[in-house]
Amino acid sequence: MKDFYFSNEDDEKDFLKNKKWLIHSLIVDGVKKSFEENLDSIVVFRIINPISNFVMTSEIKKEDWLDSLSKSMEYYESVEEYEKCTEIKELIKNIKYDFDRSDKGEE
């Protein structure tokens, strides 16, 4: 989990708007870690503003892995980051295979 500290709301919004590559990287890495370690959820990052006592936590649950990866894939395609797309496609394939095995009781 990565923590990001900001002292005002404008910096928080700027981070979320302008650091999409970093955010999507953290999402993909978080889902990958969750999958490999068989976790039900993972906190990917937190935005912390100690001045206002604001904390925003970005958590991904197992049932949201594929949706989160799909959104990250769309982002990476839009910026033509095809190596990352290949990594995501492989992860999606492995997760679907694992989910199918679990559904069939083949664990």
C-alpha atoms as a PDB file:
ATOM      1  CA  MET A   1       0.000   0.000   0.000  1.00  0.00           C
ATOM      2  CA  LYS A   2       1.196   3.450  -0.869  1.00  0.00           C
ATOM      3  CA  ASP A   3       0.300   6.573   1.096  1.00  0.00           C
ATOM      4  CA  PHE A   4       0.122  10.008  -0.527  1.00  0.00           C
ATOM      5  CA  TYR A   5       0.049  13.091   1.674  1.00  0.00           C
ATOM      6  CA  PHE A   6      -1.534  16.385   0.666  1.00  0.00           C
ATOM      7  CA  SER A   7      -2.231  19.578   2.550  1.00  0.00           C
ATOM      8  CA  ASN A   8      -5.203  20.778   0.497  1.00  0.00           C
ATOM      9  CA  GLU A   9      -8.085  19.483  -1.573  1.00  0.00           C
ATOM     10  CA  ASP A  10      -6.820  21.002  -4.834  1.00  0.00           C
ATOM     11  CA  ASP A  11      -3.606  18.972  -4.612  1.00  0.00           C
ATOM     12  CA  GLU A  12      -5.645  15.823  -3.940  1.00  0.00           C
ATOM     13  CA  LYS A  13      -7.801  16.441  -7.024  1.00  0.00           C
ATOM     14  CA  ASP A  14      -4.733  17.292  -9.108  1.00  0.00           C
ATOM     15  CA  PHE A  15      -3.106  14.024  -8.080  1.00  0.00           C
ATOM     16  CA  LEU A  16      -6.170  11.960  -9.033  1.00  0.00           C
ATOM     17  CA  LYS A  17      -6.485  13.769 -12.358  1.00  0.00           C
ATOM     18  CA  ASN A  18      -2.847  13.899 -13.427  1.00  0.00           C
ATOM     19  CA  LYS A  19      -1.300  10.738 -11.978  1.00  0.00           C
ATOM     20  CA  LYS A  20      -3.483   8.186 -13.740  1.00  0.00           C
ATOM     21  CA  TRP A  21      -0.492   6.132 -14.916  1.00  0.00           C
ATOM     22  CA  LEU A  22       0.687   5.729 -11.322  1.00  0.00           C
ATOM     23  CA  ILE A  23      -2.798   4.988 -10.000  1.00  0.00           C
ATOM     24  CA  HIS A  24      -3.461   2.324 -12.630  1.00  0.00           C
ATOM     25  CA  SER A  25      -0.031   0.791 -11.985  1.00  0.00           C
ATOM     26  CA  LEU A  26      -0.873   0.518  -8.299  1.00  0.00           C
ATOM     27  CA  ILE A  27      -4.229  -1.050  -9.163  1.00  0.00           C
ATOM     28  CA  VAL A  28      -2.675  -3.670 -11.460  1.00  0.00           C
ATOM     29  CA  ASP A  29       0.080  -4.448  -8.944  1.00  0.00           C
ATOM     30  CA  GLY A  30      -2.490  -4.668  -6.136  1.00  0.00           C
ATOM     31  CA  VAL A  31      -4.735  -7.075  -8.019  1.00  0.00           C
ATOM     32  CA  LYS A  32      -1.715  -9.156  -8.997  1.00  0.00           C
ATOM     33  CA  LYS A  33      -0.561  -9.354  -5.367  1.00  0.00           C
ATOM     34  CA  SER A  34      -4.090 -10.207  -4.189  1.00  0.00           C
ATOM     35  CA  PHE A  35      -4.368 -12.974  -6.779  1.00  0.00           C
ATOM     36  CA  GLU A  36      -0.936 -14.447  -6.049  1.00  0.00           C
ATOM     37  CA  GLU A  37      -1.474 -14.348  -2.280  1.00  0.00           C
ATOM     38  CA  ASN A  38      -5.148 -15.415  -2.450  1.00  0.00           C
ATOM     39  CA  LEU A  39      -6.370 -12.295  -0.632  1.00  0.00           C
ATOM     40  CA  ASP A  40     -10.028 -11.283  -0.563  1.00  0.00           C
ATOM     41  CA  SER A  41      -9.158  -7.575  -0.779  1.00  0.00           C
ATOM     42  CA  ILE A  42      -6.225  -5.212  -0.773  1.00  0.00           C
ATOM     43  CA  VAL A  43      -5.747  -1.548  -0.010  1.00  0.00           C
ATOM     44  CA  VAL A  44      -3.968  -0.143  -3.050  1.00  0.00           C
ATOM     45  CA  PHE A  45      -3.305   3.390  -1.855  1.00  0.00           C
ATOM     46  CA  ARG A  46      -4.478   6.050   0.546  1.00  0.00           C
ATOM     47  CA  ILE A  47      -4.738   9.798   0.152  1.00  0.00           C
ATOM     48  CA  ILE A  48      -4.096  11.497   3.449  1.00  0.00           C
ATOM     49  CA  ASN A  49      -4.589  15.135   4.343  1.00  0.00           C
ATOM     50  CA  PRO A  50      -3.362  15.612   7.922  1.00  0.00           C
ATOM     51  CA  ILE A  51      -4.537  19.239   7.948  1.00  0.00           C
ATOM     52  CA  SER A  52      -8.204  18.337   7.433  1.00  0.00           C
ATOM     53  CA  ASN A  53      -7.945  14.824   8.925  1.00  0.00           C
ATOM     54  CA  PHE A  54      -9.158  13.410   5.586  1.00  0.00           C
ATOM     55  CA  VAL A  55      -8.239   9.884   4.521  1.00  0.00           C
ATOM     56  CA  MET A  56      -9.423   8.299   1.280  1.00  0.00           C
ATOM     57  CA  THR A  57      -8.689   4.603   0.950  1.00  0.00           C
ATOM     58  CA  SER A  58      -8.652   2.813  -2.386  1.00  0.00           C
ATOM     59  CA  GLU A  59      -9.431  -0.848  -1.762  1.00  0.00           C
ATOM     60  CA  ILE A  60     -10.090  -3.547  -4.331  1.00  0.00           C
ATOM     61  CA  LYS A  61     -12.119  -6.598  -3.406  1.00  0.00           C
ATOM     62  CA  LYS A  62     -11.776  -9.952  -5.138  1.00  0.00           C
ATOM     63  CA  GLU A  63     -15.151  -9.613  -6.883  1.00  0.00           C
ATOM     64  CA  ASP A  64     -13.936  -6.329  -8.418  1.00  0.00           C
ATOM     65  CA  TRP A  65     -10.577  -7.548  -9.773  1.00  0.00           C
ATOM     66  CA  LEU A  66     -11.709  -8.094 -13.353  1.00  0.00           C
ATOM     67  CA  ASP A  67     -13.621  -4.818 -13.559  1.00  0.00           C
ATOM     68  CA  SER A  68     -10.654  -2.885 -12.149  1.00  0.00           C
ATOM     69  CA  LEU A  69      -8.253  -4.561 -14.564  1.00  0.00           C
ATOM     70  CA  SER A  70     -10.595  -3.844 -17.462  1.00  0.00           C
ATOM     71  CA  LYS A  71     -10.626  -0.144 -16.606  1.00  0.00           C
ATOM     72  CA  SER A  72      -6.847  -0.109 -16.287  1.00  0.00           C
ATOM     73  CA  MET A  73      -6.586  -1.875 -19.636  1.00  0.00           C
ATOM     74  CA  GLU A  74      -8.716   0.853 -21.242  1.00  0.00           C
ATOM     75  CA  TYR A  75      -6.434   3.500 -19.778  1.00  0.00           C
ATOM     76  CA  TYR A  76      -3.231   1.801 -20.956  1.00  0.00           C
ATOM     77  CA  GLU A  77      -4.665   1.286 -24.431  1.00  0.00           C
ATOM     78  CA  SER A  78      -5.518   5.004 -24.589  1.00  0.00           C
ATOM     79  CA  VAL A  79      -1.897   5.948 -23.834  1.00  0.00           C
ATOM     80  CA  GLU A  80      -0.543   3.164 -26.067  1.00  0.00           C
ATOM     81  CA  GLU A  81       1.262   1.411 -23.218  1.00  0.00           C
ATOM     82  CA  TYR A  82       1.013  -2.006 -24.867  1.00  0.00           C
ATOM     83  CA  GLU A  83       3.486  -3.861 -22.636  1.00  0.00           C
ATOM     84  CA  LYS A  84       1.255  -3.066 -19.665  1.00  0.00           C
ATOM     85  CA  CYS A  85      -1.779  -4.213 -21.701  1.00  0.00           C
ATOM     86  CA  THR A  86      -0.081  -7.561 -22.304  1.00  0.00           C
ATOM     87  CA  GLU A  87       0.613  -7.912 -18.581  1.00  0.00           C
ATOM     88  CA  ILE A  88      -3.025  -7.139 -17.752  1.00  0.00           C
ATOM     89  CA  LYS A  89      -4.367  -9.560 -20.386  1.00  0.00           C
ATOM     90  CA  GLU A  90      -2.245 -12.360 -18.918  1.00  0.00           C
ATOM     91  CA  LEU A  91      -3.416 -11.548 -15.395  1.00  0.00           C
ATOM     92  CA  ILE A  92      -7.073 -11.478 -16.496  1.00  0.00           C
ATOM     93  CA  LYS A  93      -6.620 -14.850 -18.219  1.00  0.00           C
ATOM     94  CA  ASN A  94      -5.085 -16.382 -15.071  1.00  0.00           C
ATOM     95  CA  ILE A  95      -7.784 -14.963 -12.804  1.00  0.00           C
ATOM     96  CA  LYS A  96     -10.592 -16.216 -15.067  1.00  0.00           C
ATOM     97  CA  TYR A  97      -8.984 -19.657 -15.220  1.00  0.00           C
ATOM     98  CA  ASP A  98      -8.696 -19.738 -11.432  1.00  0.00           C
ATOM     99  CA  PHE A  99     -12.292 -18.529 -10.971  1.00  0.00           C
ATOM    100  CA  ASP A 100     -13.534 -21.199 -13.420  1.00  0.00           C
ATOM    101  CA  ARG A 101     -11.634 -23.904 -11.535  1.00  0.00           C
ATOM    102  CA  SER A 102     -13.067 -22.682  -8.223  1.00  0.00           C
ATOM    103  CA  ASP A 103     -16.597 -22.667  -9.635  1.00  0.00           C
ATOM    104  CA  LYS A 104     -16.130 -26.278 -10.709  1.00  0.00           C
ATOM    105  CA  GLY A 105     -14.669 -27.297  -7.348  1.00  0.00           C
ATOM    106  CA  GLU A 106     -11.242 -28.079  -8.791  1.00  0.00           C
ATOM    107  CA  GLU A 107      -9.150 -26.241  -6.208  1.00  0.00           C
END
